[in-house]
Amino acid sequence: MKKSSPQTISNPTTNLIEQNKTSLFADLKSLFKAIVLISNILPVITGFFLALYFTNASFLEHWEVFLLTIVGSTSVMAGALLLNNWYDVDIDTVMERTKNRPTVTGTISLKTVLVMGITLSVLGLILLSFTTIEALVYGLLGWFTYVLLYTMWSKRRYTLNTVIGSISGAVTPLIGWAAVDSTFHIVPIILFLILFIWQIPHTFAIAIKKCDEYRAAGVAMLPVVHGFEITKRQMAIYIACLLPLPFFIFSLDSIFIIIATILTTGWLVLGMIGFFTKDDLRWAHWMFLYSVNYLMVLFLTMIVVTLF
């Protein structure tokens, strides 16, 4: 007689626990805007390593400061993102890409999100205060710009919200650099300008992709208020402004300048294609993907060339 193979008996309680863990992880990932948070940590790390490189400092002598800088800046950013979610819950309810955030579904209460946002913000600023006062000031400036000037003041009112919001992201490498040395140096200034300018065409690409959602939510993004053509022209102008910036830090490495020039030229060409495309949404999607990879490759290259 053929024996039947043993079967795994499912435990309903275990399955429910696993589902809850998965759901909680997904909620936290959405709440903290994990991709945005990670992309903002990379410039902090880059600023820190470039400061070590240009001041001939040793990482081993600064590893404690590095940990304080990374944990502190991450906490400040996470707190700011939580407060953004708390304040924008009405907008997130309308927009398709954000309607599943826990602040909208109610799986995490707004009061909890508010308390978490304030707590992480304060904790992060305290940790940064143990590095340098300058790093603390930049962390506070980034938080103030993102939470108050962008989220609560300009986002729903003015198309300049993108420019204002870009300041908060652009100070991230200054935090990393300032933890080691004064930012009165050409390199951190160029890092600030690169990130500030990069964020604008990057954000405009998202705004074109999600134009109908922003319009329904009443967010004053440039393509919503003034249309795609003006937005495309501004994107091309901002990308072109990135071309000369790497040459101001030629002392870093010629390889970096070559890679940066190739990347920016490719992005500019893709941006110009937008004037002739019939599928604006598809083009905006490619612009978004290119911009994300552009930043990652550019800043990783800066770190790598300092190691060899």
C-alpha atoms as a PDB file:
ATOM      1  CA  MET A   1       0.000   0.000   0.000  1.00  0.00           C
ATOM      2  CA  LYS A   2       1.297   3.445  -0.928  1.00  0.00           C
ATOM      3  CA  LYS A   3       1.936   5.633   2.059  1.00  0.00           C
ATOM      4  CA  SER A   4       0.588   9.158   1.971  1.00  0.00           C
ATOM      5  CA  SER A   5       3.181  11.896   2.271  1.00  0.00           C
ATOM      6  CA  PRO A   6       3.111  13.945   5.474  1.00  0.00           C
ATOM      7  CA  GLN A   7       1.306  17.242   5.208  1.00  0.00           C
ATOM      8  CA  THR A   8       2.187  20.452   6.924  1.00  0.00           C
ATOM      9  CA  ILE A   9      -0.574  21.550   9.240  1.00  0.00           C
ATOM     10  CA  SER A  10      -1.182  25.246   9.092  1.00  0.00           C
ATOM     11  CA  ASN A  11      -1.415  27.089  12.394  1.00  0.00           C
ATOM     12  CA  PRO A  12      -3.942  29.938  12.093  1.00  0.00           C
ATOM     13  CA  THR A  13      -2.416  31.831  15.031  1.00  0.00           C
ATOM     14  CA  THR A  14       1.096  31.668  13.573  1.00  0.00           C
ATOM     15  CA  ASN A  15      -0.159  32.780  10.151  1.00  0.00           C
ATOM     16  CA  LEU A  16      -1.994  35.722  11.725  1.00  0.00           C
ATOM     17  CA  ILE A  17       1.134  36.809  13.615  1.00  0.00           C
ATOM     18  CA  GLU A  18       3.205  36.616  10.433  1.00  0.00           C
ATOM     19  CA  GLN A  19       0.613  38.640   8.515  1.00  0.00           C
ATOM     20  CA  ASN A  20       0.551  41.271  11.251  1.00  0.00           C
ATOM     21  CA  LYS A  21       4.353  41.515  11.208  1.00  0.00           C
ATOM     22  CA  THR A  22       4.355  41.921   7.438  1.00  0.00           C
ATOM     23  CA  SER A  23       1.575  44.512   7.613  1.00  0.00           C
ATOM     24  CA  LEU A  24       3.369  46.455  10.368  1.00  0.00           C
ATOM     25  CA  PHE A  25       6.624  46.465   8.412  1.00  0.00           C
ATOM     26  CA  ALA A  26       4.825  47.722   5.297  1.00  0.00           C
ATOM     27  CA  ASP A  27       3.082  50.433   7.316  1.00  0.00           C
ATOM     28  CA  LEU A  28       6.330  51.639   8.900  1.00  0.00           C
ATOM     29  CA  LYS A  29       8.104  51.567   5.547  1.00  0.00           C
ATOM     30  CA  SER A  30       5.356  53.735   4.060  1.00  0.00           C
ATOM     31  CA  LEU A  31       5.159  55.998   7.107  1.00  0.00           C
ATOM     32  CA  PHE A  32       8.891  56.717   7.163  1.00  0.00           C
ATOM     33  CA  LYS A  33       9.052  57.014   3.353  1.00  0.00           C
ATOM     34  CA  ALA A  34      11.944  54.534   3.420  1.00  0.00           C
ATOM     35  CA  ILE A  35      13.286  55.260  -0.068  1.00  0.00           C
ATOM     36  CA  VAL A  36      13.282  59.018   0.524  1.00  0.00           C
ATOM     37  CA  LEU A  37      14.951  58.553   3.904  1.00  0.00           C
ATOM     38  CA  ILE A  38      17.718  56.333   2.503  1.00  0.00           C
ATOM     39  CA  SER A  39      18.359  58.676  -0.414  1.00  0.00           C
ATOM     40  CA  ASN A  40      18.871  61.531   2.051  1.00  0.00           C
ATOM     41  CA  ILE A  41      21.335  59.588   4.192  1.00  0.00           C
ATOM     42  CA  LEU A  42      23.747  59.000   1.277  1.00  0.00           C
ATOM     43  CA  PRO A  43      24.627  62.722   0.883  1.00  0.00           C
ATOM     44  CA  VAL A  44      25.301  62.957   4.638  1.00  0.00           C
ATOM     45  CA  ILE A  45      27.758  60.067   4.358  1.00  0.00           C
ATOM     46  CA  THR A  46      29.309  61.629   1.247  1.00  0.00           C
ATOM     47  CA  GLY A  47      29.774  64.979   2.953  1.00  0.00           C
ATOM     48  CA  PHE A  48      31.403  63.281   5.942  1.00  0.00           C
ATOM     49  CA  PHE A  49      33.881  61.246   3.869  1.00  0.00           C
ATOM     50  CA  LEU A  50      34.791  64.182   1.644  1.00  0.00           C
ATOM     51  CA  ALA A  51      35.483  66.285   4.733  1.00  0.00           C
ATOM     52  CA  LEU A  52      37.831  63.561   6.003  1.00  0.00           C
ATOM     53  CA  TYR A  53      39.524  63.433   2.607  1.00  0.00           C
ATOM     54  CA  PHE A  54      40.100  67.159   2.201  1.00  0.00           C
ATOM     55  CA  THR A  55      41.239  67.677   5.795  1.00  0.00           C
ATOM     56  CA  ASN A  56      43.487  64.583   5.781  1.00  0.00           C
ATOM     57  CA  ALA A  57      41.621  63.246   8.793  1.00  0.00           C
ATOM     58  CA  SER A  58      41.328  59.599   9.769  1.00  0.00           C
ATOM     59  CA  PHE A  59      38.014  57.777   9.907  1.00  0.00           C
ATOM     60  CA  LEU A  60      39.209  55.751  12.902  1.00  0.00           C
ATOM     61  CA  GLU A  61      39.637  58.979  14.817  1.00  0.00           C
ATOM     62  CA  HIS A  62      36.131  60.107  13.890  1.00  0.00           C
ATOM     63  CA  TRP A  63      34.074  56.895  13.929  1.00  0.00           C
ATOM     64  CA  GLU A  64      32.137  57.959  17.041  1.00  0.00           C
ATOM     65  CA  VAL A  65      31.308  61.296  15.433  1.00  0.00           C
ATOM     66  CA  PHE A  66      30.283  59.411  12.282  1.00  0.00           C
ATOM     67  CA  LEU A  67      27.795  57.271  14.228  1.00  0.00           C
ATOM     68  CA  LEU A  68      26.353  60.314  15.995  1.00  0.00           C
ATOM     69  CA  THR A  69      26.067  62.154  12.678  1.00  0.00           C
ATOM     70  CA  ILE A  70      24.335  59.321  10.828  1.00  0.00           C
ATOM     71  CA  VAL A  71      21.956  58.339  13.637  1.00  0.00           C
ATOM     72  CA  GLY A  72      21.240  61.971  14.502  1.00  0.00           C
ATOM     73  CA  SER A  73      20.596  63.156  10.944  1.00  0.00           C
ATOM     74  CA  THR A  74      18.516  60.052  10.170  1.00  0.00           C
ATOM     75  CA  SER A  75      16.373  60.687  13.245  1.00  0.00           C
ATOM     76  CA  VAL A  76      15.834  64.328  12.293  1.00  0.00           C
ATOM     77  CA  MET A  77      14.866  63.362   8.738  1.00  0.00           C
ATOM     78  CA  ALA A  78      12.582  60.561   9.939  1.00  0.00           C
ATOM     79  CA  GLY A  79      10.896  62.961  12.356  1.00  0.00           C
ATOM     80  CA  ALA A  80      10.364  65.533   9.618  1.00  0.00           C
ATOM     81  CA  LEU A  81       8.895  62.894   7.274  1.00  0.00           C
ATOM     82  CA  LEU A  82       6.515  61.691   9.990  1.00  0.00           C
ATOM     83  CA  LEU A  83       5.321  65.233  10.641  1.00  0.00           C
ATOM     84  CA  ASN A  84       4.817  65.654   6.887  1.00  0.00           C
ATOM     85  CA  ASN A  85       2.617  62.545   6.859  1.00  0.00           C
ATOM     86  CA  TRP A  86       0.705  63.768   9.899  1.00  0.00           C
ATOM     87  CA  TYR A  87       0.006  67.185   8.383  1.00  0.00           C
ATOM     88  CA  ASP A  88      -0.731  65.970   4.843  1.00  0.00           C
ATOM     89  CA  VAL A  89      -3.216  63.240   5.742  1.00  0.00           C
ATOM     90  CA  ASP A  90      -6.028  65.050   3.876  1.00  0.00           C
ATOM     91  CA  ILE A  91      -3.917  65.237   0.712  1.00  0.00           C
ATOM     92  CA  ASP A  92      -2.769  61.629   1.064  1.00  0.00           C
ATOM     93  CA  THR A  93      -6.401  60.510   1.272  1.00  0.00           C
ATOM     94  CA  VAL A  94      -7.044  61.877  -2.208  1.00  0.00           C
ATOM     95  CA  MET A  95      -3.860  60.823  -3.984  1.00  0.00           C
ATOM     96  CA  GLU A  96      -3.681  57.288  -5.356  1.00  0.00           C
ATOM     97  CA  ARG A  97      -0.021  56.725  -4.509  1.00  0.00           C
ATOM     98  CA  THR A  98      -0.475  57.684  -0.850  1.00  0.00           C
ATOM     99  CA  LYS A  99      -3.962  56.426   0.023  1.00  0.00           C
ATOM    100  CA  ASN A 100      -2.568  53.274   1.655  1.00  0.00           C
ATOM    101  CA  ARG A 101      -0.362  55.097   4.133  1.00  0.00           C
ATOM    102  CA  PRO A 102      -1.188  54.118   7.732  1.00  0.00           C
ATOM    103  CA  THR A 103      -2.161  57.715   8.523  1.00  0.00           C
ATOM    104  CA  VAL A 104      -4.897  57.374   5.897  1.00  0.00           C
ATOM    105  CA  THR A 105      -6.022  53.816   6.662  1.00  0.00           C
ATOM    106  CA  GLY A 106      -5.958  54.492  10.398  1.00  0.00           C
ATOM    107  CA  THR A 107      -3.726  51.548  11.288  1.00  0.00           C
ATOM    108  CA  ILE A 108      -1.477  54.027  13.114  1.00  0.00           C
ATOM    109  CA  SER A 109      -3.236  56.931  14.805  1.00  0.00           C
ATOM    110  CA  LEU A 110      -2.439  60.523  13.899  1.00  0.00           C
ATOM    111  CA  LYS A 111      -1.627  61.256  17.543  1.00  0.00           C
ATOM    112  CA  THR A 112       0.941  58.450  17.565  1.00  0.00           C
ATOM    113  CA  VAL A 113       2.511  59.725  14.350  1.00  0.00           C
ATOM    114  CA  LEU A 114       2.671  63.269  15.754  1.00  0.00           C
ATOM    115  CA  VAL A 115       4.346  62.114  18.977  1.00  0.00           C
ATOM    116  CA  MET A 116       6.796  59.918  17.052  1.00  0.00           C
ATOM    117  CA  GLY A 117       7.629  62.769  14.686  1.00  0.00           C
ATOM    118  CA  ILE A 118       8.343  65.246  17.475  1.00  0.00           C
ATOM    119  CA  THR A 119      10.279  62.691  19.531  1.00  0.00           C
ATOM    120  CA  LEU A 120      12.543  61.605  16.664  1.00  0.00           C
ATOM    121  CA  SER A 121      13.133  65.213  15.631  1.00  0.00           C
ATOM    122  CA  VAL A 122      14.207  66.265  19.134  1.00  0.00           C
ATOM    123  CA  LEU A 123      16.287  63.113  19.648  1.00  0.00           C
ATOM    124  CA  GLY A 124      18.072  63.638  16.319  1.00  0.00           C
ATOM    125  CA  LEU A 125      18.884  67.263  17.103  1.00  0.00           C
ATOM    126  CA  ILE A 126      20.230  66.299  20.524  1.00  0.00           C
ATOM    127  CA  LEU A 127      22.517  63.683  18.950  1.00  0.00           C
ATOM    128  CA  LEU A 128      23.760  66.192  16.362  1.00  0.00           C
ATOM    129  CA  SER A 129      24.559  68.628  19.166  1.00  0.00           C
ATOM    130  CA  PHE A 130      27.222  66.168  20.330  1.00  0.00           C
ATOM    131  CA  THR A 131      29.041  66.546  16.988  1.00  0.00           C
ATOM    132  CA  THR A 132      29.389  70.252  16.203  1.00  0.00           C
ATOM    133  CA  ILE A 133      27.134  73.273  16.576  1.00  0.00           C
ATOM    134  CA  GLU A 134      27.386  73.833  12.815  1.00  0.00           C
ATOM    135  CA  ALA A 135      26.078  70.334  12.063  1.00  0.00           C
ATOM    136  CA  LEU A 136      23.236  70.951  14.511  1.00  0.00           C
ATOM    137  CA  VAL A 137      22.356  74.237  12.798  1.00  0.00           C
ATOM    138  CA  TYR A 138      22.183  72.555   9.383  1.00  0.00           C
ATOM    139  CA  GLY A 139      20.045  69.751  10.787  1.00  0.00           C
ATOM    140  CA  LEU A 140      17.666  72.277  12.334  1.00  0.00           C
ATOM    141  CA  LEU A 141      17.621  74.325   9.121  1.00  0.00           C
ATOM    142  CA  GLY A 142      16.689  71.257   7.068  1.00  0.00           C
ATOM    143  CA  TRP A 143      13.935  70.305   9.516  1.00  0.00           C
ATOM    144  CA  PHE A 144      12.536  73.848   9.710  1.00  0.00           C
ATOM    145  CA  THR A 145      12.511  74.248   5.929  1.00  0.00           C
ATOM    146  CA  TYR A 146      10.853  70.894   5.232  1.00  0.00           C
ATOM    147  CA  VAL A 147       8.260  70.857   8.012  1.00  0.00           C
ATOM    148  CA  LEU A 148       7.295  74.512   8.346  1.00  0.00           C
ATOM    149  CA  LEU A 149       8.258  76.349   5.146  1.00  0.00           C
ATOM    150  CA  TYR A 150       7.494  73.499   2.720  1.00  0.00           C
ATOM    151  CA  THR A 151       4.864  71.206   4.267  1.00  0.00           C
ATOM    152  CA  MET A 152       2.816  73.698   6.260  1.00  0.00           C
ATOM    153  CA  TRP A 153       3.269  76.928   4.302  1.00  0.00           C
ATOM    154  CA  SER A 154       4.162  76.682   0.607  1.00  0.00           C
ATOM    155  CA  LYS A 155       3.189  73.205  -0.618  1.00  0.00           C
ATOM    156  CA  ARG A 156      -0.495  73.966  -1.130  1.00  0.00           C
ATOM    157  CA  ARG A 157      -0.104  77.625  -2.078  1.00  0.00           C
ATOM    158  CA  TYR A 158       2.840  78.312  -4.369  1.00  0.00           C
ATOM    159  CA  THR A 159       4.593  76.613  -7.282  1.00  0.00           C
ATOM    160  CA  LEU A 160       7.852  77.687  -5.628  1.00  0.00           C
ATOM    161  CA  ASN A 161       7.178  74.941  -3.070  1.00  0.00           C
ATOM    162  CA  THR A 162       9.612  72.727  -4.987  1.00  0.00           C
ATOM    163  CA  VAL A 163      12.419  75.273  -4.721  1.00  0.00           C
ATOM    164  CA  ILE A 164      11.727  75.827  -1.022  1.00  0.00           C
ATOM    165  CA  GLY A 165      11.587  72.102  -0.309  1.00  0.00           C
ATOM    166  CA  SER A 166      14.850  71.558  -2.168  1.00  0.00           C
ATOM    167  CA  ILE A 167      16.723  73.563   0.465  1.00  0.00           C
ATOM    168  CA  SER A 168      15.968  70.948   3.119  1.00  0.00           C
ATOM    169  CA  GLY A 169      17.397  68.140   1.006  1.00  0.00           C
ATOM    170  CA  ALA A 170      20.413  70.175  -0.061  1.00  0.00           C
ATOM    171  CA  VAL A 171      21.707  70.735   3.489  1.00  0.00           C
ATOM    172  CA  THR A 172      22.241  66.987   4.072  1.00  0.00           C
ATOM    173  CA  PRO A 173      25.879  66.881   2.824  1.00  0.00           C
ATOM    174  CA  LEU A 174      26.567  70.022   4.869  1.00  0.00           C
ATOM    175  CA  ILE A 175      25.557  68.115   8.004  1.00  0.00           C
ATOM    176  CA  GLY A 176      28.064  65.384   7.206  1.00  0.00           C
ATOM    177  CA  TRP A 177      30.854  67.822   6.359  1.00  0.00           C
ATOM    178  CA  ALA A 178      30.207  70.117   9.321  1.00  0.00           C
ATOM    179  CA  ALA A 179      30.548  67.203  11.736  1.00  0.00           C
ATOM    180  CA  VAL A 180      34.227  67.089  10.732  1.00  0.00           C
ATOM    181  CA  ASP A 181      35.163  70.617   9.653  1.00  0.00           C
ATOM    182  CA  SER A 182      33.769  74.059   8.847  1.00  0.00           C
ATOM    183  CA  THR A 183      31.675  74.246   5.669  1.00  0.00           C
ATOM    184  CA  PHE A 184      33.479  77.427   4.648  1.00  0.00           C
ATOM    185  CA  HIS A 185      34.977  75.445   1.773  1.00  0.00           C
ATOM    186  CA  ILE A 186      34.207  75.158  -1.941  1.00  0.00           C
ATOM    187  CA  VAL A 187      33.420  71.411  -1.833  1.00  0.00           C
ATOM    188  CA  PRO A 188      30.431  71.465   0.568  1.00  0.00           C
ATOM    189  CA  ILE A 189      29.097  74.534  -1.216  1.00  0.00           C
ATOM    190  CA  ILE A 190      29.161  72.659  -4.536  1.00  0.00           C
ATOM    191  CA  LEU A 191      27.565  69.615  -2.903  1.00  0.00           C
ATOM    192  CA  PHE A 192      24.760  71.860  -1.659  1.00  0.00           C
ATOM    193  CA  LEU A 193      24.256  73.347  -5.126  1.00  0.00           C
ATOM    194  CA  ILE A 194      24.263  69.950  -6.842  1.00  0.00           C
ATOM    195  CA  LEU A 195      21.592  68.582  -4.524  1.00  0.00           C
ATOM    196  CA  PHE A 196      19.543  71.777  -4.571  1.00  0.00           C
ATOM    197  CA  ILE A 197      19.444  71.933  -8.378  1.00  0.00           C
ATOM    198  CA  TRP A 198      19.005  68.148  -8.808  1.00  0.00           C
ATOM    199  CA  GLN A 199      15.881  68.037  -6.652  1.00  0.00           C
ATOM    200  CA  ILE A 200      13.933  70.448  -8.836  1.00  0.00           C
ATOM    201  CA  PRO A 201      13.838  68.477 -12.146  1.00  0.00           C
ATOM    202  CA  HIS A 202      13.556  65.277 -10.091  1.00  0.00           C
ATOM    203  CA  THR A 203      10.455  66.591  -8.315  1.00  0.00           C
ATOM    204  CA  PHE A 204       9.002  68.031 -11.503  1.00  0.00           C
ATOM    205  CA  ALA A 205       9.232  64.575 -13.102  1.00  0.00           C
ATOM    206  CA  ILE A 206       7.143  63.174 -10.259  1.00  0.00           C
ATOM    207  CA  ALA A 207       4.726  66.099 -10.534  1.00  0.00           C
ATOM    208  CA  ILE A 208       4.149  65.402 -14.243  1.00  0.00           C
ATOM    209  CA  LYS A 209       3.641  61.689 -13.574  1.00  0.00           C
ATOM    210  CA  LYS A 210       1.120  62.393 -10.828  1.00  0.00           C
ATOM    211  CA  CYS A 211      -0.288  65.640 -12.200  1.00  0.00           C
ATOM    212  CA  ASP A 212      -3.937  64.567 -12.006  1.00  0.00           C
ATOM    213  CA  GLU A 213      -3.513  63.417  -8.418  1.00  0.00           C
ATOM    214  CA  TYR A 214      -1.848  66.662  -7.362  1.00  0.00           C
ATOM    215  CA  ARG A 215      -4.604  68.605  -9.103  1.00  0.00           C
ATOM    216  CA  ALA A 216      -7.312  66.640  -7.281  1.00  0.00           C
ATOM    217  CA  ALA A 217      -5.519  67.178  -3.968  1.00  0.00           C
ATOM    218  CA  GLY A 218      -5.136  70.920  -4.568  1.00  0.00           C
ATOM    219  CA  VAL A 219      -1.333  70.921  -4.439  1.00  0.00           C
ATOM    220  CA  ALA A 220       0.193  73.827  -6.383  1.00  0.00           C
ATOM    221  CA  MET A 221       2.822  71.909  -8.350  1.00  0.00           C
ATOM    222  CA  LEU A 222       4.227  73.667 -11.429  1.00  0.00           C
ATOM    223  CA  PRO A 223       2.709  71.337 -14.086  1.00  0.00           C
ATOM    224  CA  VAL A 224      -0.681  71.611 -12.358  1.00  0.00           C
ATOM    225  CA  VAL A 225      -0.691  75.415 -12.377  1.00  0.00           C
ATOM    226  CA  HIS A 226       1.299  76.264 -15.541  1.00  0.00           C
ATOM    227  CA  GLY A 227       1.277  73.098 -17.643  1.00  0.00           C
ATOM    228  CA  PHE A 228       3.808  70.602 -18.966  1.00  0.00           C
ATOM    229  CA  GLU A 229       5.651  72.777 -21.500  1.00  0.00           C
ATOM    230  CA  ILE A 230       6.812  75.360 -18.989  1.00  0.00           C
ATOM    231  CA  THR A 231       7.750  72.570 -16.593  1.00  0.00           C
ATOM    232  CA  LYS A 232       9.834  70.843 -19.278  1.00  0.00           C
ATOM    233  CA  ARG A 233      11.680  74.073 -20.072  1.00  0.00           C
ATOM    234  CA  GLN A 234      12.518  74.628 -16.425  1.00  0.00           C
ATOM    235  CA  MET A 235      13.683  71.024 -16.048  1.00  0.00           C
ATOM    236  CA  ALA A 236      16.091  71.421 -18.979  1.00  0.00           C
ATOM    237  CA  ILE A 237      17.442  74.697 -17.585  1.00  0.00           C
ATOM    238  CA  TYR A 238      18.078  73.271 -14.136  1.00  0.00           C
ATOM    239  CA  ILE A 239      19.776  70.151 -15.521  1.00  0.00           C
ATOM    240  CA  ALA A 240      22.016  72.328 -17.726  1.00  0.00           C
ATOM    241  CA  CYS A 241      23.013  74.269 -14.598  1.00  0.00           C
ATOM    242  CA  LEU A 242      24.491  71.055 -13.199  1.00  0.00           C
ATOM    243  CA  LEU A 243      27.051  70.741 -16.006  1.00  0.00           C
ATOM    244  CA  PRO A 244      29.726  73.205 -14.746  1.00  0.00           C
ATOM    245  CA  LEU A 245      29.484  72.368 -11.032  1.00  0.00           C
ATOM    246  CA  PRO A 246      31.845  69.317 -10.916  1.00  0.00           C
ATOM    247  CA  PHE A 247      34.641  71.426 -12.426  1.00  0.00           C
ATOM    248  CA  PHE A 248      34.679  73.577  -9.271  1.00  0.00           C
ATOM    249  CA  ILE A 249      35.881  70.553  -7.309  1.00  0.00           C
ATOM    250  CA  PHE A 250      38.449  69.350  -9.844  1.00  0.00           C
ATOM    251  CA  SER A 251      40.803  68.654  -6.935  1.00  0.00           C
ATOM    252  CA  LEU A 252      38.617  65.665  -6.036  1.00  0.00           C
ATOM    253  CA  ASP A 253      39.458  63.508  -9.056  1.00  0.00           C
ATOM    254  CA  SER A 254      39.313  63.767 -12.844  1.00  0.00           C
ATOM    255  CA  ILE A 255      37.396  60.473 -13.001  1.00  0.00           C
ATOM    256  CA  PHE A 256      34.602  62.053 -10.996  1.00  0.00           C
ATOM    257  CA  ILE A 257      34.431  65.028 -13.363  1.00  0.00           C
ATOM    258  CA  ILE A 258      34.229  62.736 -16.402  1.00  0.00           C
ATOM    259  CA  ILE A 259      31.506  60.548 -14.885  1.00  0.00           C
ATOM    260  CA  ALA A 260      29.528  63.576 -13.675  1.00  0.00           C
ATOM    261  CA  THR A 261      29.714  65.246 -17.093  1.00  0.00           C
ATOM    262  CA  ILE A 262      28.573  62.096 -18.891  1.00  0.00           C
ATOM    263  CA  LEU A 263      25.700  61.583 -16.451  1.00  0.00           C
ATOM    264  CA  THR A 264      24.516  65.187 -16.685  1.00  0.00           C
ATOM    265  CA  THR A 265      24.790  65.261 -20.473  1.00  0.00           C
ATOM    266  CA  GLY A 266      22.733  62.076 -20.707  1.00  0.00           C
ATOM    267  CA  TRP A 267      20.095  63.539 -18.404  1.00  0.00           C
ATOM    268  CA  LEU A 268      19.985  66.755 -20.425  1.00  0.00           C
ATOM    269  CA  VAL A 269      19.544  64.815 -23.678  1.00  0.00           C
ATOM    270  CA  LEU A 270      16.694  62.843 -22.114  1.00  0.00           C
ATOM    271  CA  GLY A 271      15.200  66.118 -20.925  1.00  0.00           C
ATOM    272  CA  MET A 272      15.330  67.597 -24.428  1.00  0.00           C
ATOM    273  CA  ILE A 273      13.530  64.539 -25.787  1.00  0.00           C
ATOM    274  CA  GLY A 274      10.589  65.663 -23.695  1.00  0.00           C
ATOM    275  CA  PHE A 275       9.965  68.553 -26.096  1.00  0.00           C
ATOM    276  CA  PHE A 276       9.267  66.086 -28.908  1.00  0.00           C
ATOM    277  CA  THR A 277       7.565  63.197 -27.139  1.00  0.00           C
ATOM    278  CA  LYS A 278       3.869  62.469 -27.401  1.00  0.00           C
ATOM    279  CA  ASP A 279       3.767  60.371 -24.248  1.00  0.00           C
ATOM    280  CA  ASP A 280       4.537  62.826 -21.469  1.00  0.00           C
ATOM    281  CA  LEU A 281       3.823  60.380 -18.650  1.00  0.00           C
ATOM    282  CA  ARG A 282       6.167  57.718 -20.015  1.00  0.00           C
ATOM    283  CA  TRP A 283       8.886  60.327 -20.572  1.00  0.00           C
ATOM    284  CA  ALA A 284       8.419  61.701 -17.037  1.00  0.00           C
ATOM    285  CA  HIS A 285       8.770  58.178 -15.655  1.00  0.00           C
ATOM    286  CA  TRP A 286      12.125  57.743 -17.431  1.00  0.00           C
ATOM    287  CA  MET A 287      13.232  61.165 -16.204  1.00  0.00           C
ATOM    288  CA  PHE A 288      12.387  60.117 -12.661  1.00  0.00           C
ATOM    289  CA  LEU A 289      14.298  56.831 -12.921  1.00  0.00           C
ATOM    290  CA  TYR A 290      17.310  58.563 -14.454  1.00  0.00           C
ATOM    291  CA  SER A 291      17.354  61.225 -11.743  1.00  0.00           C
ATOM    292  CA  VAL A 292      17.344  58.657  -8.920  1.00  0.00           C
ATOM    293  CA  ASN A 293      20.209  56.672 -10.442  1.00  0.00           C
ATOM    294  CA  TYR A 294      22.030  59.885 -11.343  1.00  0.00           C
ATOM    295  CA  LEU A 295      22.211  60.959  -7.723  1.00  0.00           C
ATOM    296  CA  MET A 296      23.174  57.536  -6.408  1.00  0.00           C
ATOM    297  CA  VAL A 297      25.999  57.042  -8.936  1.00  0.00           C
ATOM    298  CA  LEU A 298      27.277  60.605  -8.529  1.00  0.00           C
ATOM    299  CA  PHE A 299      27.546  60.537  -4.750  1.00  0.00           C
ATOM    300  CA  LEU A 300      28.851  56.983  -4.560  1.00  0.00           C
ATOM    301  CA  THR A 301      31.538  57.975  -7.069  1.00  0.00           C
ATOM    302  CA  MET A 302      32.582  60.849  -4.802  1.00  0.00           C
ATOM    303  CA  ILE A 303      33.052  58.418  -1.921  1.00  0.00           C
ATOM    304  CA  VAL A 304      34.874  55.787  -3.990  1.00  0.00           C
ATOM    305  CA  VAL A 305      37.459  58.196  -5.453  1.00  0.00           C
ATOM    306  CA  THR A 306      38.460  59.271  -1.945  1.00  0.00           C
ATOM    307  CA  LEU A 307      39.286  55.681  -1.010  1.00  0.00           C
ATOM    308  CA  PHE A 308      41.893  55.086  -3.728  1.00  0.00           C
END
